[in-house]
């Protein structure tokens, strides 16, 4: 089923924002949602990344959007329907120098204090002179 123009615009905003995460850093679904102006939609960020195309002829695809750099707000690589999915994400992060540890329940974790990326604005917006909206200053970034 084709996406609505609104959904397509949302997916593209997610992909463009995720492309700005530096190598060796991670952020959260919630932070990407906040950066693109939809703080109430972190789950939809995950959905967009889940449906990232593998077709490299498209503008955004699995090879040019570093999907692996987005994890949940607890610093855990979100489990998937197939266990190798989380392990593949951890392996991709480890090739970038991110240390992934295993928690007491077997969850794969990343330390936000060392590897977290939580800017108030996307670097592209900062370079364009966008002024941050300080109205949500007290909200949690993750």
C-alpha atoms as a PDB file:
ATOM      1  CA  UNK A   1       0.000   0.000   0.000  1.00  0.00           C
ATOM      2  CA  UNK A   2       1.484   3.377  -0.965  1.00  0.00           C
ATOM      3  CA  UNK A   3       2.203   5.879   1.783  1.00  0.00           C
ATOM      4  CA  UNK A   4       0.230   9.086   2.101  1.00  0.00           C
ATOM      5  CA  UNK A   5       2.177  12.267   1.320  1.00  0.00           C
ATOM      6  CA  UNK A   6       2.172  13.047   5.067  1.00  0.00           C
ATOM      7  CA  UNK A   7       3.617   9.627   5.946  1.00  0.00           C
ATOM      8  CA  UNK A   8       6.192   9.883   3.151  1.00  0.00           C
ATOM      9  CA  UNK A   9       7.269  13.325   4.417  1.00  0.00           C
ATOM     10  CA  UNK A  10       7.551  11.961   7.970  1.00  0.00           C
ATOM     11  CA  UNK A  11       9.638   8.965   6.854  1.00  0.00           C
ATOM     12  CA  UNK A  12      11.948  11.243   4.843  1.00  0.00           C
ATOM     13  CA  UNK A  13      12.336  13.628   7.809  1.00  0.00           C
ATOM     14  CA  UNK A  14      13.309  10.659   9.996  1.00  0.00           C
ATOM     15  CA  UNK A  15      15.824   9.373   7.452  1.00  0.00           C
ATOM     16  CA  UNK A  16      17.388  12.794   6.904  1.00  0.00           C
ATOM     17  CA  UNK A  17      17.732  13.363  10.672  1.00  0.00           C
ATOM     18  CA  UNK A  18      19.248   9.924  11.253  1.00  0.00           C
ATOM     19  CA  UNK A  19      21.819  10.627   8.534  1.00  0.00           C
ATOM     20  CA  UNK A  20      23.132  13.450  10.740  1.00  0.00           C
ATOM     21  CA  UNK A  21      23.999  11.221  13.711  1.00  0.00           C
ATOM     22  CA  UNK A  22      27.809  11.066  13.838  1.00  0.00           C
ATOM     23  CA  UNK A  23      29.573   7.760  13.497  1.00  0.00           C
ATOM     24  CA  UNK A  24      30.276   6.261  16.917  1.00  0.00           C
ATOM     25  CA  UNK A  25      27.248   7.952  18.521  1.00  0.00           C
ATOM     26  CA  UNK A  26      23.692   6.850  19.280  1.00  0.00           C
ATOM     27  CA  UNK A  27      20.434   8.615  20.003  1.00  0.00           C
ATOM     28  CA  UNK A  28      16.882   7.576  20.779  1.00  0.00           C
ATOM     29  CA  UNK A  29      13.705   7.185  18.785  1.00  0.00           C
ATOM     30  CA  UNK A  30      12.234   9.894  21.008  1.00  0.00           C
ATOM     31  CA  UNK A  31      15.051  12.315  20.347  1.00  0.00           C
ATOM     32  CA  UNK A  32      14.758  11.906  16.587  1.00  0.00           C
ATOM     33  CA  UNK A  33      10.996  12.510  16.918  1.00  0.00           C
ATOM     34  CA  UNK A  34      11.713  15.695  18.900  1.00  0.00           C
ATOM     35  CA  UNK A  35      14.340  16.925  16.425  1.00  0.00           C
ATOM     36  CA  UNK A  36      11.924  16.622  13.503  1.00  0.00           C
ATOM     37  CA  UNK A  37       9.134  18.404  15.360  1.00  0.00           C
ATOM     38  CA  UNK A  38       6.960  15.443  16.300  1.00  0.00           C
ATOM     39  CA  UNK A  39       7.955  14.637  19.897  1.00  0.00           C
ATOM     40  CA  UNK A  40       4.808  12.561  20.386  1.00  0.00           C
ATOM     41  CA  UNK A  41       5.815  10.060  17.666  1.00  0.00           C
ATOM     42  CA  UNK A  42       8.842   8.020  18.803  1.00  0.00           C
ATOM     43  CA  UNK A  43       7.192   4.725  17.892  1.00  0.00           C
ATOM     44  CA  UNK A  44       6.588   5.984  14.380  1.00  0.00           C
ATOM     45  CA  UNK A  45      10.314   6.788  14.132  1.00  0.00           C
ATOM     46  CA  UNK A  46      10.939   3.105  14.841  1.00  0.00           C
ATOM     47  CA  UNK A  47       8.393   2.145  12.214  1.00  0.00           C
ATOM     48  CA  UNK A  48      10.069   4.386   9.644  1.00  0.00           C
ATOM     49  CA  UNK A  49      13.447   2.792  10.363  1.00  0.00           C
ATOM     50  CA  UNK A  50      11.919  -0.695  10.253  1.00  0.00           C
ATOM     51  CA  UNK A  51      10.669   0.077   6.740  1.00  0.00           C
ATOM     52  CA  UNK A  52      13.903   1.617   5.483  1.00  0.00           C
ATOM     53  CA  UNK A  53      14.235   0.479   1.860  1.00  0.00           C
ATOM     54  CA  UNK A  54      17.074  -1.783   0.799  1.00  0.00           C
ATOM     55  CA  UNK A  55      16.881  -0.521  -2.798  1.00  0.00           C
ATOM     56  CA  UNK A  56      20.038   1.594  -3.159  1.00  0.00           C
ATOM     57  CA  UNK A  57      18.620   3.481  -6.154  1.00  0.00           C
ATOM     58  CA  UNK A  58      16.252   5.327  -3.796  1.00  0.00           C
ATOM     59  CA  UNK A  59      17.219   8.570  -2.055  1.00  0.00           C
ATOM     60  CA  UNK A  60      17.121   6.978   1.408  1.00  0.00           C
ATOM     61  CA  UNK A  61      18.041   3.348   1.868  1.00  0.00           C
ATOM     62  CA  UNK A  62      19.550   0.849   4.262  1.00  0.00           C
ATOM     63  CA  UNK A  63      23.109   1.670   3.201  1.00  0.00           C
ATOM     64  CA  UNK A  64      22.992   5.485   3.548  1.00  0.00           C
ATOM     65  CA  UNK A  65      20.791   5.904   6.629  1.00  0.00           C
ATOM     66  CA  UNK A  66      22.657   4.710   9.756  1.00  0.00           C
ATOM     67  CA  UNK A  67      19.577   3.114  11.359  1.00  0.00           C
ATOM     68  CA  UNK A  68      21.782   1.245  13.821  1.00  0.00           C
ATOM     69  CA  UNK A  69      22.531   4.505  15.658  1.00  0.00           C
ATOM     70  CA  UNK A  70      18.974   4.791  17.010  1.00  0.00           C
ATOM     71  CA  UNK A  71      18.081   2.861  20.169  1.00  0.00           C
ATOM     72  CA  UNK A  72      15.444   3.102  22.867  1.00  0.00           C
ATOM     73  CA  UNK A  73      15.315   5.663  25.661  1.00  0.00           C
ATOM     74  CA  UNK A  74      16.752   3.226  28.217  1.00  0.00           C
ATOM     75  CA  UNK A  75      19.933   2.774  26.197  1.00  0.00           C
ATOM     76  CA  UNK A  76      18.850  -0.666  25.057  1.00  0.00           C
ATOM     77  CA  UNK A  77      18.890  -1.964  21.515  1.00  0.00           C
ATOM     78  CA  UNK A  78      15.218  -2.711  20.977  1.00  0.00           C
ATOM     79  CA  UNK A  79      14.454  -6.395  20.673  1.00  0.00           C
ATOM     80  CA  UNK A  80      12.981  -7.534  17.391  1.00  0.00           C
ATOM     81  CA  UNK A  81      10.856 -10.437  16.252  1.00  0.00           C
ATOM     82  CA  UNK A  82      14.079 -12.247  15.329  1.00  0.00           C
ATOM     83  CA  UNK A  83      16.924 -12.217  17.892  1.00  0.00           C
ATOM     84  CA  UNK A  84      19.615 -11.794  15.235  1.00  0.00           C
ATOM     85  CA  UNK A  85      18.199  -8.338  14.429  1.00  0.00           C
ATOM     86  CA  UNK A  86      19.364  -6.831  17.729  1.00  0.00           C
ATOM     87  CA  UNK A  87      22.674  -8.690  17.463  1.00  0.00           C
ATOM     88  CA  UNK A  88      23.185  -7.326  13.927  1.00  0.00           C
ATOM     89  CA  UNK A  89      22.502  -3.803  15.184  1.00  0.00           C
ATOM     90  CA  UNK A  90      24.981  -4.306  18.034  1.00  0.00           C
ATOM     91  CA  UNK A  91      27.600  -5.619  15.612  1.00  0.00           C
ATOM     92  CA  UNK A  92      27.103  -2.596  13.327  1.00  0.00           C
ATOM     93  CA  UNK A  93      27.566  -0.252  16.285  1.00  0.00           C
ATOM     94  CA  UNK A  94      30.654  -2.121  17.449  1.00  0.00           C
ATOM     95  CA  UNK A  95      32.281  -1.674  14.022  1.00  0.00           C
ATOM     96  CA  UNK A  96      31.882   2.088  14.646  1.00  0.00           C
ATOM     97  CA  UNK A  97      33.656   1.818  18.003  1.00  0.00           C
ATOM     98  CA  UNK A  98      30.543   1.850  20.187  1.00  0.00           C
ATOM     99  CA  UNK A  99      30.833  -0.470  23.169  1.00  0.00           C
ATOM    100  CA  UNK A 100      27.727  -2.629  23.504  1.00  0.00           C
ATOM    101  CA  UNK A 101      27.285  -4.457  26.801  1.00  0.00           C
ATOM    102  CA  UNK A 102      24.893  -7.190  27.849  1.00  0.00           C
ATOM    103  CA  UNK A 103      22.575  -6.503  30.783  1.00  0.00           C
ATOM    104  CA  UNK A 104      21.428  -8.928  33.451  1.00  0.00           C
ATOM    105  CA  UNK A 105      18.442 -10.004  31.354  1.00  0.00           C
ATOM    106  CA  UNK A 106      20.472 -10.423  28.169  1.00  0.00           C
ATOM    107  CA  UNK A 107      19.533  -7.020  26.754  1.00  0.00           C
ATOM    108  CA  UNK A 108      22.111  -5.282  24.565  1.00  0.00           C
ATOM    109  CA  UNK A 109      22.948  -1.862  25.993  1.00  0.00           C
ATOM    110  CA  UNK A 110      24.868   1.313  25.106  1.00  0.00           C
ATOM    111  CA  UNK A 111      26.053   3.911  27.622  1.00  0.00           C
ATOM    112  CA  UNK A 112      24.517   7.283  26.746  1.00  0.00           C
ATOM    113  CA  UNK A 113      27.056   9.161  28.857  1.00  0.00           C
ATOM    114  CA  UNK A 114      29.807   8.006  26.525  1.00  0.00           C
ATOM    115  CA  UNK A 115      28.036   7.465  23.192  1.00  0.00           C
ATOM    116  CA  UNK A 116      24.857   9.555  23.410  1.00  0.00           C
ATOM    117  CA  UNK A 117      24.067  12.246  20.828  1.00  0.00           C
ATOM    118  CA  UNK A 118      21.372  14.673  21.955  1.00  0.00           C
ATOM    119  CA  UNK A 119      21.722  18.064  20.238  1.00  0.00           C
ATOM    120  CA  UNK A 120      18.995  20.681  20.613  1.00  0.00           C
ATOM    121  CA  UNK A 121      18.986  21.128  16.830  1.00  0.00           C
ATOM    122  CA  UNK A 122      20.123  19.027  13.904  1.00  0.00           C
ATOM    123  CA  UNK A 123      23.571  20.148  12.701  1.00  0.00           C
ATOM    124  CA  UNK A 124      22.052  21.098   9.331  1.00  0.00           C
ATOM    125  CA  UNK A 125      19.528  23.375  11.044  1.00  0.00           C
ATOM    126  CA  UNK A 126      22.207  24.932  13.223  1.00  0.00           C
ATOM    127  CA  UNK A 127      24.320  25.624  10.138  1.00  0.00           C
ATOM    128  CA  UNK A 128      21.283  27.242   8.498  1.00  0.00           C
ATOM    129  CA  UNK A 129      20.866  29.582  11.471  1.00  0.00           C
ATOM    130  CA  UNK A 130      17.689  28.041  12.903  1.00  0.00           C
ATOM    131  CA  UNK A 131      17.052  29.255  16.439  1.00  0.00           C
ATOM    132  CA  UNK A 132      16.109  26.489  18.915  1.00  0.00           C
ATOM    133  CA  UNK A 133      12.641  26.546  20.432  1.00  0.00           C
ATOM    134  CA  UNK A 134      13.210  26.783  24.172  1.00  0.00           C
ATOM    135  CA  UNK A 135       9.550  26.195  25.075  1.00  0.00           C
ATOM    136  CA  UNK A 136      10.284  22.551  25.947  1.00  0.00           C
ATOM    137  CA  UNK A 137      13.519  23.214  27.824  1.00  0.00           C
ATOM    138  CA  UNK A 138      12.428  21.084  30.808  1.00  0.00           C
ATOM    139  CA  UNK A 139      11.467  18.016  28.783  1.00  0.00           C
ATOM    140  CA  UNK A 140      13.662  14.946  28.811  1.00  0.00           C
ATOM    141  CA  UNK A 141      15.688  14.580  25.614  1.00  0.00           C
ATOM    142  CA  UNK A 142      15.423  10.807  25.378  1.00  0.00           C
END
